[in-house]
Amino acid sequence: MTTIRIVFLGTSAAVPQKNRFLSGLALQREKGEILLFDCGEGTQYQIMKYKVNFQKISKIFLSHLHGDHLYGIFGLLSTMKLADRSNPLKIYGPPGTKQYLKRFYGEKIENGFSYPIGIFDTEEGFVCEDEDYQIVAKRTMHSIYTLAYAYIEKDRLGHFDTKKAQELKVKKGSKWQQLQKGKSVLSEDNKVILPEMVLGPKRRGFKIVIGSDGTYQEEDFVPFAMGADVLVLEATFSDINESKAKEKLHSTSRWSAIIARKAKVKKLFLTHISPRTEEEENLKNEAQEEFPSAVIAYDGLEIHLNRKDLESE
């Protein structure tokens, strides 16, 4: 059973291509909530094409304020309004995001929509959290302030030991449910039963790191990405254009793969592919020399993560 679904909505760099739209990635959680990372031109079309429910998008995280990463947000917000959305939407981005959007919509942006919109400027570090996860950010070196984001699930309580609960004379039903939620209860002989008495060791959740444009400084980014189940990084240039990558503050596929290897991640997906399509095979080969299972992402590529994979660790 799928726990997390990741869909690449756009994997092109700078300009759209016939088979690649501009930057966008959807992360759908098991409860249905969808987090959107970047929203390049055409994102809402890709959302429909690849069956991502835009009404379930609760948060949008913008990496930086270059057009190929955000021009699609205007159409998406309008479509949500026309579809009578009522659920709140939160938009996070680097410093200047709130001012950028309010210049377009006006100071009272929320007045023009049928649903509440919160816009938050954020910097490197903690961004936000929910009951089950948190989002943290790391700055990458690019021509303007740019953020990579990490989706980090909080540890989950251990497996419930039904036999132990019975031995401790805890009545089956609501009290078992409370224990499984980490709450103490009274047994049938009026003793306090703590959750740790019937729960196994805590279980880790998934860690997914989504990097955008820029170069990734190993001393900072490797610890940020360490142990990720999925790492998404850019691969705008191949080795032959390494000097141009340094000049433009973008990464090569090899540089990104080195980060993945040193961070001991489980899966690496490379995106932000240049229109220089003749280099795509080079991108893959160079990345796989450093990280053999590296994948060049494409529009519509889906990744499915399952809890059972964590249980087998």
C-alpha atoms as a PDB file:
ATOM      1  CA  MET A   1       0.000   0.000   0.000  1.00  0.00           C
ATOM      2  CA  THR A   2       1.444   3.369  -1.029  1.00  0.00           C
ATOM      3  CA  THR A   3       2.223   5.739   1.811  1.00  0.00           C
ATOM      4  CA  ILE A   4       3.733   8.638  -0.129  1.00  0.00           C
ATOM      5  CA  ARG A   5       3.332   9.440  -3.803  1.00  0.00           C
ATOM      6  CA  ILE A   6       5.787  11.820  -5.461  1.00  0.00           C
ATOM      7  CA  VAL A   7       4.990  13.086  -8.952  1.00  0.00           C
ATOM      8  CA  PHE A   8       7.398  15.062 -11.139  1.00  0.00           C
ATOM      9  CA  LEU A   9       5.200  17.650 -12.848  1.00  0.00           C
ATOM     10  CA  GLY A  10       7.951  19.565 -14.622  1.00  0.00           C
ATOM     11  CA  THR A  11      11.613  18.688 -15.127  1.00  0.00           C
ATOM     12  CA  SER A  12      12.932  21.253 -17.614  1.00  0.00           C
ATOM     13  CA  ALA A  13      15.438  24.028 -16.992  1.00  0.00           C
ATOM     14  CA  ALA A  14      14.683  27.679 -17.804  1.00  0.00           C
ATOM     15  CA  VAL A  15      12.365  27.127 -20.783  1.00  0.00           C
ATOM     16  CA  PRO A  16       9.688  24.520 -21.530  1.00  0.00           C
ATOM     17  CA  GLN A  17      10.413  21.668 -23.921  1.00  0.00           C
ATOM     18  CA  LYS A  18       8.074  19.495 -25.952  1.00  0.00           C
ATOM     19  CA  ASN A  19       8.389  16.666 -23.438  1.00  0.00           C
ATOM     20  CA  ARG A  20       9.357  18.631 -20.329  1.00  0.00           C
ATOM     21  CA  PHE A  21       7.396  21.356 -18.561  1.00  0.00           C
ATOM     22  CA  LEU A  22       8.917  23.796 -16.088  1.00  0.00           C
ATOM     23  CA  SER A  23       9.720  23.001 -12.473  1.00  0.00           C
ATOM     24  CA  GLY A  24       7.073  21.447 -10.273  1.00  0.00           C
ATOM     25  CA  LEU A  25       6.825  18.458  -7.945  1.00  0.00           C
ATOM     26  CA  ALA A  26       3.876  17.129  -5.933  1.00  0.00           C
ATOM     27  CA  LEU A  27       4.227  15.124  -2.720  1.00  0.00           C
ATOM     28  CA  GLN A  28       1.013  13.371  -1.699  1.00  0.00           C
ATOM     29  CA  ARG A  29       0.820  12.058   1.846  1.00  0.00           C
ATOM     30  CA  GLU A  30      -1.113   8.951   2.879  1.00  0.00           C
ATOM     31  CA  LYS A  31      -3.888  11.063   4.387  1.00  0.00           C
ATOM     32  CA  GLY A  32      -4.455  12.769   1.039  1.00  0.00           C
ATOM     33  CA  GLU A  33      -2.745  16.086   1.773  1.00  0.00           C
ATOM     34  CA  ILE A  34      -0.567  17.324  -1.098  1.00  0.00           C
ATOM     35  CA  LEU A  35       2.504  19.537  -0.818  1.00  0.00           C
ATOM     36  CA  LEU A  36       3.602  21.322  -3.994  1.00  0.00           C
ATOM     37  CA  PHE A  37       7.241  22.245  -4.506  1.00  0.00           C
ATOM     38  CA  ASP A  38       7.664  24.996  -7.121  1.00  0.00           C
ATOM     39  CA  CYS A  39       5.018  25.926  -9.632  1.00  0.00           C
ATOM     40  CA  GLY A  40       6.460  26.669 -13.051  1.00  0.00           C
ATOM     41  CA  GLU A  41       4.402  27.665 -16.072  1.00  0.00           C
ATOM     42  CA  GLY A  42       1.969  24.910 -17.025  1.00  0.00           C
ATOM     43  CA  THR A  43       1.950  23.241 -13.619  1.00  0.00           C
ATOM     44  CA  GLN A  44      -1.834  23.176 -13.358  1.00  0.00           C
ATOM     45  CA  TYR A  45      -2.059  21.418 -16.728  1.00  0.00           C
ATOM     46  CA  GLN A  46       0.417  18.798 -15.500  1.00  0.00           C
ATOM     47  CA  ILE A  47      -1.567  18.448 -12.277  1.00  0.00           C
ATOM     48  CA  MET A  48      -4.611  17.442 -14.319  1.00  0.00           C
ATOM     49  CA  LYS A  49      -2.635  15.234 -16.685  1.00  0.00           C
ATOM     50  CA  TYR A  50      -1.002  13.241 -13.909  1.00  0.00           C
ATOM     51  CA  LYS A  51      -4.082  13.052 -11.674  1.00  0.00           C
ATOM     52  CA  VAL A  52      -2.964  15.224  -8.783  1.00  0.00           C
ATOM     53  CA  ASN A  53      -5.959  16.679  -6.940  1.00  0.00           C
ATOM     54  CA  PHE A  54      -5.234  20.420  -6.819  1.00  0.00           C
ATOM     55  CA  GLN A  55      -7.958  20.942  -4.211  1.00  0.00           C
ATOM     56  CA  LYS A  56      -5.919  18.840  -1.769  1.00  0.00           C
ATOM     57  CA  ILE A  57      -2.834  21.017  -2.092  1.00  0.00           C
ATOM     58  CA  SER A  58      -2.434  22.531   1.365  1.00  0.00           C
ATOM     59  CA  LYS A  59       0.981  24.158   1.013  1.00  0.00           C
ATOM     60  CA  ILE A  60       3.160  25.458  -1.818  1.00  0.00           C
ATOM     61  CA  PHE A  61       6.913  25.808  -1.298  1.00  0.00           C
ATOM     62  CA  LEU A  62       8.747  28.081  -3.735  1.00  0.00           C
ATOM     63  CA  SER A  63      12.483  27.582  -4.017  1.00  0.00           C
ATOM     64  CA  HIS A  64      13.224  31.006  -5.473  1.00  0.00           C
ATOM     65  CA  LEU A  65      11.677  33.831  -7.455  1.00  0.00           C
ATOM     66  CA  HIS A  66      12.792  32.961 -10.968  1.00  0.00           C
ATOM     67  CA  GLY A  67       9.894  32.715 -13.404  1.00  0.00           C
ATOM     68  CA  ASP A  68      10.469  29.108 -14.438  1.00  0.00           C
ATOM     69  CA  HIS A  69       9.745  28.109 -10.830  1.00  0.00           C
ATOM     70  CA  LEU A  70       6.698  30.253 -10.052  1.00  0.00           C
ATOM     71  CA  TYR A  71       4.834  31.655 -13.059  1.00  0.00           C
ATOM     72  CA  GLY A  72       2.344  28.800 -12.871  1.00  0.00           C
ATOM     73  CA  ILE A  73       1.117  29.848  -9.438  1.00  0.00           C
ATOM     74  CA  PHE A  74      -1.096  32.626 -10.804  1.00  0.00           C
ATOM     75  CA  GLY A  75      -3.171  30.308 -12.959  1.00  0.00           C
ATOM     76  CA  LEU A  76      -3.317  27.657 -10.250  1.00  0.00           C
ATOM     77  CA  LEU A  77      -4.644  30.072  -7.615  1.00  0.00           C
ATOM     78  CA  SER A  78      -7.268  31.315 -10.078  1.00  0.00           C
ATOM     79  CA  THR A  79      -8.403  27.784 -10.923  1.00  0.00           C
ATOM     80  CA  MET A  80      -8.747  26.967  -7.224  1.00  0.00           C
ATOM     81  CA  LYS A  81     -10.999  30.008  -6.861  1.00  0.00           C
ATOM     82  CA  LEU A  82     -13.129  29.106  -9.879  1.00  0.00           C
ATOM     83  CA  ALA A  83     -13.515  25.595  -8.459  1.00  0.00           C
ATOM     84  CA  ASP A  84     -15.002  27.106  -5.273  1.00  0.00           C
ATOM     85  CA  ARG A  85     -12.145  26.108  -3.042  1.00  0.00           C
ATOM     86  CA  SER A  86     -12.754  26.886   0.626  1.00  0.00           C
ATOM     87  CA  ASN A  87      -9.807  25.203   2.339  1.00  0.00           C
ATOM     88  CA  PRO A  88      -6.919  27.465   3.396  1.00  0.00           C
ATOM     89  CA  LEU A  89      -3.728  27.526   1.329  1.00  0.00           C
ATOM     90  CA  LYS A  90      -0.279  28.426   2.618  1.00  0.00           C
ATOM     91  CA  ILE A  91       2.527  29.630   0.367  1.00  0.00           C
ATOM     92  CA  TYR A  92       6.134  29.606   1.579  1.00  0.00           C
ATOM     93  CA  GLY A  93       9.071  31.092  -0.250  1.00  0.00           C
ATOM     94  CA  PRO A  94      12.364  32.950   0.168  1.00  0.00           C
ATOM     95  CA  PRO A  95      12.514  36.548   1.390  1.00  0.00           C
ATOM     96  CA  GLY A  96      10.519  38.741  -0.977  1.00  0.00           C
ATOM     97  CA  THR A  97       7.817  36.175  -1.769  1.00  0.00           C
ATOM     98  CA  LYS A  98       5.070  38.041   0.081  1.00  0.00           C
ATOM     99  CA  GLN A  99       5.976  41.353  -1.555  1.00  0.00           C
ATOM    100  CA  TYR A 100       6.218  39.730  -5.000  1.00  0.00           C
ATOM    101  CA  LEU A 101       2.725  38.214  -4.822  1.00  0.00           C
ATOM    102  CA  LYS A 102       1.134  41.272  -3.242  1.00  0.00           C
ATOM    103  CA  ARG A 103       2.459  43.452  -6.051  1.00  0.00           C
ATOM    104  CA  PHE A 104       0.463  41.260  -8.408  1.00  0.00           C
ATOM    105  CA  TYR A 105      -2.694  40.825  -6.343  1.00  0.00           C
ATOM    106  CA  GLY A 106      -2.665  43.894  -4.116  1.00  0.00           C
ATOM    107  CA  GLU A 107      -2.066  44.270  -0.411  1.00  0.00           C
ATOM    108  CA  LYS A 108      -5.204  42.404   0.660  1.00  0.00           C
ATOM    109  CA  ILE A 109      -4.636  39.299  -1.438  1.00  0.00           C
ATOM    110  CA  GLU A 110      -7.064  37.251   0.651  1.00  0.00           C
ATOM    111  CA  ASN A 111      -9.971  39.511  -0.332  1.00  0.00           C
ATOM    112  CA  GLY A 112      -9.834  38.436  -3.950  1.00  0.00           C
ATOM    113  CA  PHE A 113     -10.208  34.734  -3.302  1.00  0.00           C
ATOM    114  CA  SER A 114     -12.860  32.391  -1.991  1.00  0.00           C
ATOM    115  CA  TYR A 115     -10.377  30.736   0.369  1.00  0.00           C
ATOM    116  CA  PRO A 116      -7.841  32.015   2.918  1.00  0.00           C
ATOM    117  CA  ILE A 117      -4.300  32.432   1.595  1.00  0.00           C
ATOM    118  CA  GLY A 118      -1.310  32.798   3.889  1.00  0.00           C
ATOM    119  CA  ILE A 119       2.004  33.928   2.412  1.00  0.00           C
ATOM    120  CA  PHE A 120       5.174  33.438   4.415  1.00  0.00           C
ATOM    121  CA  ASP A 121       8.698  34.607   3.719  1.00  0.00           C
ATOM    122  CA  THR A 122      11.099  32.010   5.034  1.00  0.00           C
ATOM    123  CA  GLU A 123      14.833  31.596   5.326  1.00  0.00           C
ATOM    124  CA  GLU A 124      17.222  28.752   5.962  1.00  0.00           C
ATOM    125  CA  GLY A 125      16.148  26.625   8.920  1.00  0.00           C
ATOM    126  CA  PHE A 126      12.738  25.660  10.286  1.00  0.00           C
ATOM    127  CA  VAL A 127       9.851  26.481   7.936  1.00  0.00           C
ATOM    128  CA  CYS A 128       6.696  24.880   9.343  1.00  0.00           C
ATOM    129  CA  GLU A 129       5.349  21.744  10.959  1.00  0.00           C
ATOM    130  CA  ASP A 130       2.214  19.660  11.151  1.00  0.00           C
ATOM    131  CA  GLU A 131       1.130  16.888  13.479  1.00  0.00           C
ATOM    132  CA  ASP A 132       3.150  14.262  11.613  1.00  0.00           C
ATOM    133  CA  TYR A 133       5.963  16.119   9.847  1.00  0.00           C
ATOM    134  CA  GLN A 134       8.068  19.234   9.610  1.00  0.00           C
ATOM    135  CA  ILE A 135       9.638  21.170   6.743  1.00  0.00           C
ATOM    136  CA  VAL A 136      13.111  22.639   7.049  1.00  0.00           C
ATOM    137  CA  ALA A 137      15.090  24.586   4.455  1.00  0.00           C
ATOM    138  CA  LYS A 138      18.704  24.911   3.380  1.00  0.00           C
ATOM    139  CA  ARG A 139      20.037  27.718   1.219  1.00  0.00           C
ATOM    140  CA  THR A 140      21.790  26.785  -2.026  1.00  0.00           C
ATOM    141  CA  MET A 141      24.202  29.055  -3.868  1.00  0.00           C
ATOM    142  CA  HIS A 142      22.410  30.547  -6.852  1.00  0.00           C
ATOM    143  CA  SER A 143      22.106  33.936  -8.522  1.00  0.00           C
ATOM    144  CA  ILE A 144      19.286  34.876  -6.124  1.00  0.00           C
ATOM    145  CA  TYR A 145      18.242  33.624  -2.683  1.00  0.00           C
ATOM    146  CA  THR A 146      17.262  29.979  -3.204  1.00  0.00           C
ATOM    147  CA  LEU A 147      16.087  27.259  -0.839  1.00  0.00           C
ATOM    148  CA  ALA A 148      16.078  23.486  -0.873  1.00  0.00           C
ATOM    149  CA  TYR A 149      13.413  21.856   1.319  1.00  0.00           C
ATOM    150  CA  ALA A 150      13.404  18.725   3.457  1.00  0.00           C
ATOM    151  CA  TYR A 151      10.163  16.946   4.329  1.00  0.00           C
ATOM    152  CA  ILE A 152      10.903  15.090   7.567  1.00  0.00           C
ATOM    153  CA  GLU A 153       8.320  12.877   9.206  1.00  0.00           C
ATOM    154  CA  LYS A 154       8.249  12.729  12.970  1.00  0.00           C
ATOM    155  CA  ASP A 155       8.970   9.432  14.687  1.00  0.00           C
ATOM    156  CA  ARG A 156       5.918   7.237  15.011  1.00  0.00           C
ATOM    157  CA  LEU A 157       4.997   5.244  18.079  1.00  0.00           C
ATOM    158  CA  GLY A 158       6.046   1.601  18.156  1.00  0.00           C
ATOM    159  CA  HIS A 159       3.889  -1.411  17.399  1.00  0.00           C
ATOM    160  CA  PHE A 160       1.120  -2.170  19.897  1.00  0.00           C
ATOM    161  CA  ASP A 161       1.606  -5.416  21.842  1.00  0.00           C
ATOM    162  CA  THR A 162      -1.914  -6.813  22.246  1.00  0.00           C
ATOM    163  CA  LYS A 163      -0.724  -9.743  24.358  1.00  0.00           C
ATOM    164  CA  LYS A 164       1.008  -7.407  26.799  1.00  0.00           C
ATOM    165  CA  ALA A 165      -2.067  -5.189  27.007  1.00  0.00           C
ATOM    166  CA  GLN A 166      -4.189  -8.225  27.889  1.00  0.00           C
ATOM    167  CA  GLU A 167      -1.697  -9.337  30.532  1.00  0.00           C
ATOM    168  CA  LEU A 168      -1.874  -5.857  32.089  1.00  0.00           C
ATOM    169  CA  LYS A 169      -5.673  -6.131  32.157  1.00  0.00           C
ATOM    170  CA  VAL A 170      -6.361  -3.229  29.819  1.00  0.00           C
ATOM    171  CA  LYS A 171      -9.863  -3.489  28.442  1.00  0.00           C
ATOM    172  CA  LYS A 172      -9.952  -3.779  24.676  1.00  0.00           C
ATOM    173  CA  GLY A 173     -11.550  -0.883  22.829  1.00  0.00           C
ATOM    174  CA  SER A 174     -11.114   2.815  23.489  1.00  0.00           C
ATOM    175  CA  LYS A 175      -8.318   2.249  26.025  1.00  0.00           C
ATOM    176  CA  TRP A 176      -6.281   0.286  23.499  1.00  0.00           C
ATOM    177  CA  GLN A 177      -6.797   3.147  21.047  1.00  0.00           C
ATOM    178  CA  GLN A 178      -5.624   5.685  23.610  1.00  0.00           C
ATOM    179  CA  LEU A 179      -2.470   3.695  24.316  1.00  0.00           C
ATOM    180  CA  GLN A 180      -1.750   3.500  20.594  1.00  0.00           C
ATOM    181  CA  LYS A 181      -1.969   7.293  20.509  1.00  0.00           C
ATOM    182  CA  GLY A 182       0.598   7.580  23.306  1.00  0.00           C
ATOM    183  CA  LYS A 183      -1.830   8.247  26.170  1.00  0.00           C
ATOM    184  CA  SER A 184      -1.858   6.553  29.561  1.00  0.00           C
ATOM    185  CA  VAL A 185      -4.940   4.623  30.765  1.00  0.00           C
ATOM    186  CA  LEU A 186      -6.219   2.773  33.815  1.00  0.00           C
ATOM    187  CA  SER A 187      -6.358  -1.019  33.813  1.00  0.00           C
ATOM    188  CA  GLU A 188      -9.323  -3.038  35.057  1.00  0.00           C
ATOM    189  CA  ASP A 189      -7.555  -3.394  38.415  1.00  0.00           C
ATOM    190  CA  ASN A 190      -7.104   0.384  38.584  1.00  0.00           C
ATOM    191  CA  LYS A 191      -3.386   0.569  37.764  1.00  0.00           C
ATOM    192  CA  VAL A 192      -1.860   3.262  35.551  1.00  0.00           C
ATOM    193  CA  ILE A 193      -0.644   1.773  32.273  1.00  0.00           C
ATOM    194  CA  LEU A 194       1.897   3.887  30.401  1.00  0.00           C
ATOM    195  CA  PRO A 195       2.133   3.715  26.592  1.00  0.00           C
ATOM    196  CA  GLU A 196       5.742   2.498  26.737  1.00  0.00           C
ATOM    197  CA  MET A 197       4.567  -0.565  28.644  1.00  0.00           C
ATOM    198  CA  VAL A 198       2.717  -1.883  25.585  1.00  0.00           C
ATOM    199  CA  LEU A 199       4.440  -0.163  22.668  1.00  0.00           C
ATOM    200  CA  GLY A 200       7.607  -1.254  20.912  1.00  0.00           C
ATOM    201  CA  PRO A 201      10.506   1.049  19.942  1.00  0.00           C
ATOM    202  CA  LYS A 202       9.625   4.217  18.058  1.00  0.00           C
ATOM    203  CA  ARG A 203       9.728   3.956  14.278  1.00  0.00           C
ATOM    204  CA  ARG A 204      11.271   6.570  12.029  1.00  0.00           C
ATOM    205  CA  GLY A 205       9.363   8.255   9.252  1.00  0.00           C
ATOM    206  CA  PHE A 206      10.413   9.197   5.739  1.00  0.00           C
ATOM    207  CA  LYS A 207      12.848  11.949   4.847  1.00  0.00           C
ATOM    208  CA  ILE A 208      12.559  13.531   1.405  1.00  0.00           C
ATOM    209  CA  VAL A 209      14.897  16.311   0.295  1.00  0.00           C
ATOM    210  CA  ILE A 210      14.048  18.471  -2.719  1.00  0.00           C
ATOM    211  CA  GLY A 211      16.814  20.705  -4.000  1.00  0.00           C
ATOM    212  CA  SER A 212      16.387  23.378  -6.605  1.00  0.00           C
ATOM    213  CA  ASP A 213      18.721  25.535  -8.667  1.00  0.00           C
ATOM    214  CA  GLY A 214      22.232  26.224  -7.468  1.00  0.00           C
ATOM    215  CA  THR A 215      25.371  24.564  -6.323  1.00  0.00           C
ATOM    216  CA  TYR A 216      25.335  22.468  -3.173  1.00  0.00           C
ATOM    217  CA  GLN A 217      28.119  23.148  -0.703  1.00  0.00           C
ATOM    218  CA  GLU A 218      29.182  19.738   0.611  1.00  0.00           C
ATOM    219  CA  GLU A 219      30.007  20.876   4.134  1.00  0.00           C
ATOM    220  CA  ASP A 220      26.449  22.206   4.566  1.00  0.00           C
ATOM    221  CA  PHE A 221      24.301  20.201   2.204  1.00  0.00           C
ATOM    222  CA  VAL A 222      25.560  16.697   2.928  1.00  0.00           C
ATOM    223  CA  PRO A 223      24.418  16.872   6.591  1.00  0.00           C
ATOM    224  CA  PHE A 224      21.113  18.409   5.429  1.00  0.00           C
ATOM    225  CA  ALA A 225      20.443  15.519   3.030  1.00  0.00           C
ATOM    226  CA  MET A 226      21.991  12.788   5.182  1.00  0.00           C
ATOM    227  CA  GLY A 227      20.082   9.512   5.082  1.00  0.00           C
ATOM    228  CA  ALA A 228      17.250  10.783   2.902  1.00  0.00           C
ATOM    229  CA  ASP A 229      14.950   8.152   1.439  1.00  0.00           C
ATOM    230  CA  VAL A 230      14.603  10.312  -1.663  1.00  0.00           C
ATOM    231  CA  LEU A 231      16.887  13.129  -2.809  1.00  0.00           C
ATOM    232  CA  VAL A 232      15.932  15.366  -5.734  1.00  0.00           C
ATOM    233  CA  LEU A 233      18.662  17.623  -7.097  1.00  0.00           C
ATOM    234  CA  GLU A 234      19.301  19.581 -10.253  1.00  0.00           C
ATOM    235  CA  ALA A 235      21.500  18.450 -13.136  1.00  0.00           C
ATOM    236  CA  THR A 236      21.564  21.383 -15.529  1.00  0.00           C
ATOM    237  CA  PHE A 237      25.043  20.726 -16.901  1.00  0.00           C
ATOM    238  CA  SER A 238      27.311  17.807 -17.787  1.00  0.00           C
ATOM    239  CA  ASP A 239      31.041  17.594 -17.166  1.00  0.00           C
ATOM    240  CA  ILE A 240      31.918  19.237 -20.454  1.00  0.00           C
ATOM    241  CA  ASN A 241      30.151  22.417 -19.317  1.00  0.00           C
ATOM    242  CA  GLU A 242      31.511  22.447 -15.779  1.00  0.00           C
ATOM    243  CA  SER A 243      32.960  25.944 -16.201  1.00  0.00           C
ATOM    244  CA  LYS A 244      29.547  27.229 -17.297  1.00  0.00           C
ATOM    245  CA  ALA A 245      27.927  25.559 -14.279  1.00  0.00           C
ATOM    246  CA  LYS A 246      30.293  27.455 -11.991  1.00  0.00           C
ATOM    247  CA  GLU A 247      29.614  30.693 -13.837  1.00  0.00           C
ATOM    248  CA  LYS A 248      25.819  30.303 -13.776  1.00  0.00           C
ATOM    249  CA  LEU A 249      25.721  28.849 -10.242  1.00  0.00           C
ATOM    250  CA  HIS A 250      24.070  25.629 -11.336  1.00  0.00           C
ATOM    251  CA  SER A 251      25.123  22.025 -10.738  1.00  0.00           C
ATOM    252  CA  THR A 252      26.364  19.219 -12.923  1.00  0.00           C
ATOM    253  CA  SER A 253      24.851  15.773 -12.632  1.00  0.00           C
ATOM    254  CA  ARG A 254      28.149  14.526 -11.223  1.00  0.00           C
ATOM    255  CA  TRP A 255      28.259  17.148  -8.475  1.00  0.00           C
ATOM    256  CA  SER A 256      24.718  16.243  -7.417  1.00  0.00           C
ATOM    257  CA  ALA A 257      25.532  12.527  -7.460  1.00  0.00           C
ATOM    258  CA  ILE A 258      28.567  13.118  -5.237  1.00  0.00           C
ATOM    259  CA  ILE A 259      26.288  14.827  -2.719  1.00  0.00           C
ATOM    260  CA  ALA A 260      23.947  11.812  -2.820  1.00  0.00           C
ATOM    261  CA  ARG A 261      26.797   9.369  -2.276  1.00  0.00           C
ATOM    262  CA  LYS A 262      28.315  11.288   0.608  1.00  0.00           C
ATOM    263  CA  ALA A 263      24.890  11.815   2.214  1.00  0.00           C
ATOM    264  CA  LYS A 264      24.183   8.067   1.952  1.00  0.00           C
ATOM    265  CA  VAL A 265      20.740   8.603   0.499  1.00  0.00           C
ATOM    266  CA  LYS A 266      18.654   5.707  -0.743  1.00  0.00           C
ATOM    267  CA  LYS A 267      17.412   7.154  -4.043  1.00  0.00           C
ATOM    268  CA  LEU A 268      18.583  10.034  -6.228  1.00  0.00           C
ATOM    269  CA  PHE A 269      16.503  11.710  -8.929  1.00  0.00           C
ATOM    270  CA  LEU A 270      17.974  14.426 -11.128  1.00  0.00           C
ATOM    271  CA  THR A 271      15.854  17.167 -12.642  1.00  0.00           C
ATOM    272  CA  HIS A 272      16.059  20.691 -14.150  1.00  0.00           C
ATOM    273  CA  ILE A 273      17.265  19.204 -17.420  1.00  0.00           C
ATOM    274  CA  SER A 274      18.540  21.662 -20.027  1.00  0.00           C
ATOM    275  CA  PRO A 275      17.063  21.829 -23.542  1.00  0.00           C
ATOM    276  CA  ARG A 276      20.446  20.534 -24.704  1.00  0.00           C
ATOM    277  CA  THR A 277      18.834  17.104 -25.094  1.00  0.00           C
ATOM    278  CA  GLU A 278      21.922  15.636 -26.754  1.00  0.00           C
ATOM    279  CA  GLU A 279      23.583  15.754 -23.336  1.00  0.00           C
ATOM    280  CA  GLU A 280      20.925  13.792 -21.444  1.00  0.00           C
ATOM    281  CA  GLU A 281      22.726  10.454 -21.828  1.00  0.00           C
ATOM    282  CA  ASN A 282      25.919  12.094 -20.591  1.00  0.00           C
ATOM    283  CA  LEU A 283      24.074  13.411 -17.534  1.00  0.00           C
ATOM    284  CA  LYS A 284      22.956   9.899 -16.634  1.00  0.00           C
ATOM    285  CA  ASN A 285      26.322   8.253 -17.241  1.00  0.00           C
ATOM    286  CA  GLU A 286      28.283  10.837 -15.275  1.00  0.00           C
ATOM    287  CA  ALA A 287      25.861  10.703 -12.351  1.00  0.00           C
ATOM    288  CA  GLN A 288      25.902   6.906 -12.259  1.00  0.00           C
ATOM    289  CA  GLU A 289      29.699   6.877 -12.062  1.00  0.00           C
ATOM    290  CA  GLU A 290      29.263   8.459  -8.623  1.00  0.00           C
ATOM    291  CA  PHE A 291      25.865   7.046  -7.612  1.00  0.00           C
ATOM    292  CA  PRO A 292      25.028   3.934  -9.679  1.00  0.00           C
ATOM    293  CA  SER A 293      21.254   4.031  -9.171  1.00  0.00           C
ATOM    294  CA  ALA A 294      20.850   7.719 -10.105  1.00  0.00           C
ATOM    295  CA  VAL A 295      17.788   8.398 -12.282  1.00  0.00           C
ATOM    296  CA  ILE A 296      17.174  11.259 -14.703  1.00  0.00           C
ATOM    297  CA  ALA A 297      13.633  12.318 -13.875  1.00  0.00           C
ATOM    298  CA  TYR A 298      10.990  12.993 -16.522  1.00  0.00           C
ATOM    299  CA  ASP A 299       7.554  14.582 -16.486  1.00  0.00           C
ATOM    300  CA  GLY A 300       5.027  12.159 -15.052  1.00  0.00           C
ATOM    301  CA  LEU A 301       7.576  10.028 -13.220  1.00  0.00           C
ATOM    302  CA  GLU A 302       6.034   8.718 -10.002  1.00  0.00           C
ATOM    303  CA  ILE A 303       7.777   7.466  -6.874  1.00  0.00           C
ATOM    304  CA  HIS A 304       5.839   5.409  -4.346  1.00  0.00           C
ATOM    305  CA  LEU A 305       7.150   4.950  -0.816  1.00  0.00           C
ATOM    306  CA  ASN A 306       5.687   2.350   1.539  1.00  0.00           C
ATOM    307  CA  ARG A 307       5.815   2.019   5.320  1.00  0.00           C
ATOM    308  CA  LYS A 308       6.691  -1.646   4.985  1.00  0.00           C
ATOM    309  CA  ASP A 309      10.024  -0.628   3.491  1.00  0.00           C
ATOM    310  CA  LEU A 310      10.860   1.135   6.755  1.00  0.00           C
ATOM    311  CA  GLU A 311       9.738  -1.823   8.809  1.00  0.00           C
ATOM    312  CA  SER A 312      12.253  -4.079   7.043  1.00  0.00           C
ATOM    313  CA  GLU A 313      15.243  -1.865   7.889  1.00  0.00           C
END
